[in-house]
């Protein structure tokens, strides 16, 4: 295990050092950039080119949906069709699908080793984030700092008052009256300039997002509550046990000793001083209430299938998608295989195809009488095949609204046989 961890740590370090990758757009335009993983491992970006104006874009790991090897994306389909890439490039190509399958980054690496390095490294970071428990994510500073460093355009390791305001409103969806913002900002900032460093910004964010409803709930269970503010309120172990007994949470009924209460505090309280003194503060209290132990649904039901799954298909409600091929509006945009992948990975078991004769003699999927661009039927079936049963083992229904001629219907049947058996 240690060797595996060491190998992965070395691999991640190589991503931080960067690699020369060629990024392709569907139009055929390509950009050679030195891409690298940020030091905090939250996003990838690239070194700025002298040829182009503008600031380098950042791509957050938590926004990545899939990483695909080879020409397994619609953009590469078009590039191959237009002969903008060579067949020999296939083994060095990979795509990062992100933003709920709406966008993609399409790269060709200098060699297979570099491609595999990026695919394995990013997949590891995705898995690592997926395995983190909810309370841990809430308590972590990392994701807040990711946004901080993206907003820090001049790399000064500080944010001005205006940058803080813009970051909160535009990226973190926190809006407030100006006088409240000013009051909170000057409560935190300590420098002679109107700026916040990373630690101050994290503290600033946490103060702004503290939940008054949980503070009021805690006040009902702690001594001298009227003397404690949202910043310093805490429960001791006895008060925590009393709270658990009164709530009668079946998942927590076994917690009846001070030792067990301390274990809960160790698990959920992030303030070291509070933890060592056996106190559960407001943030720790929130983390505990948001954990699986306080889930309002029956835990065994939420983690496994408990219904009888042997009955005929008509006996079930089926998670279904309508006009699945639409990615954007009903009247514009394009039909897109990624729209199918998105819903399939969300557990959808019935998807819809509106099929028509293509001008090139091959069937297409389109939204009739609109400006939505069509997509090849074969392209969609080929792209969705790997994802049909990733999220669920249960049958997938392909609802085909058929407007094709007999000749192209035969092609559709052959395509389904070729890819689905």
Foldseek 3Di string as FASTA:
>chain_A
DVVVVVVLVVLLVVQQVFAFKWWAFLVLDIDTFGKHQDPLRFWIWTDDDPVDDDDIDIGGLQFWDDKAAFQQFVSSVSCVVVVSDDPVQRLQKMKTQGDLNPDIIIIGGPDNVVSVSVRVNSVVVNVVVVPDFPLVVLPDLSVVVVLVCVLPRVPPQKDALVSLQCSCVPPVVDDDDPVVSVVLQVVQDDDPGRIDGSVSSSVSVCVSPQDPVLLVVLLVQDPPSVVDDLVDDWDALVSVLVVCVVVVQVLCPVPRDSVSLLVLCVVQPPPPVCSVRRIQHRSSVVSVCPGPSNDPDDSVVVPDPDDDPPDDPVVDDFQEDDPQQDDDDLAEEERGLSSVLSVLLVPHQEYEFEWEQDPVREIWGDRPPHHYHIGGPLSNLQSCLVRNPPNHPDHHHYHYNDPYDPSNVVVVVVSCVVRVD
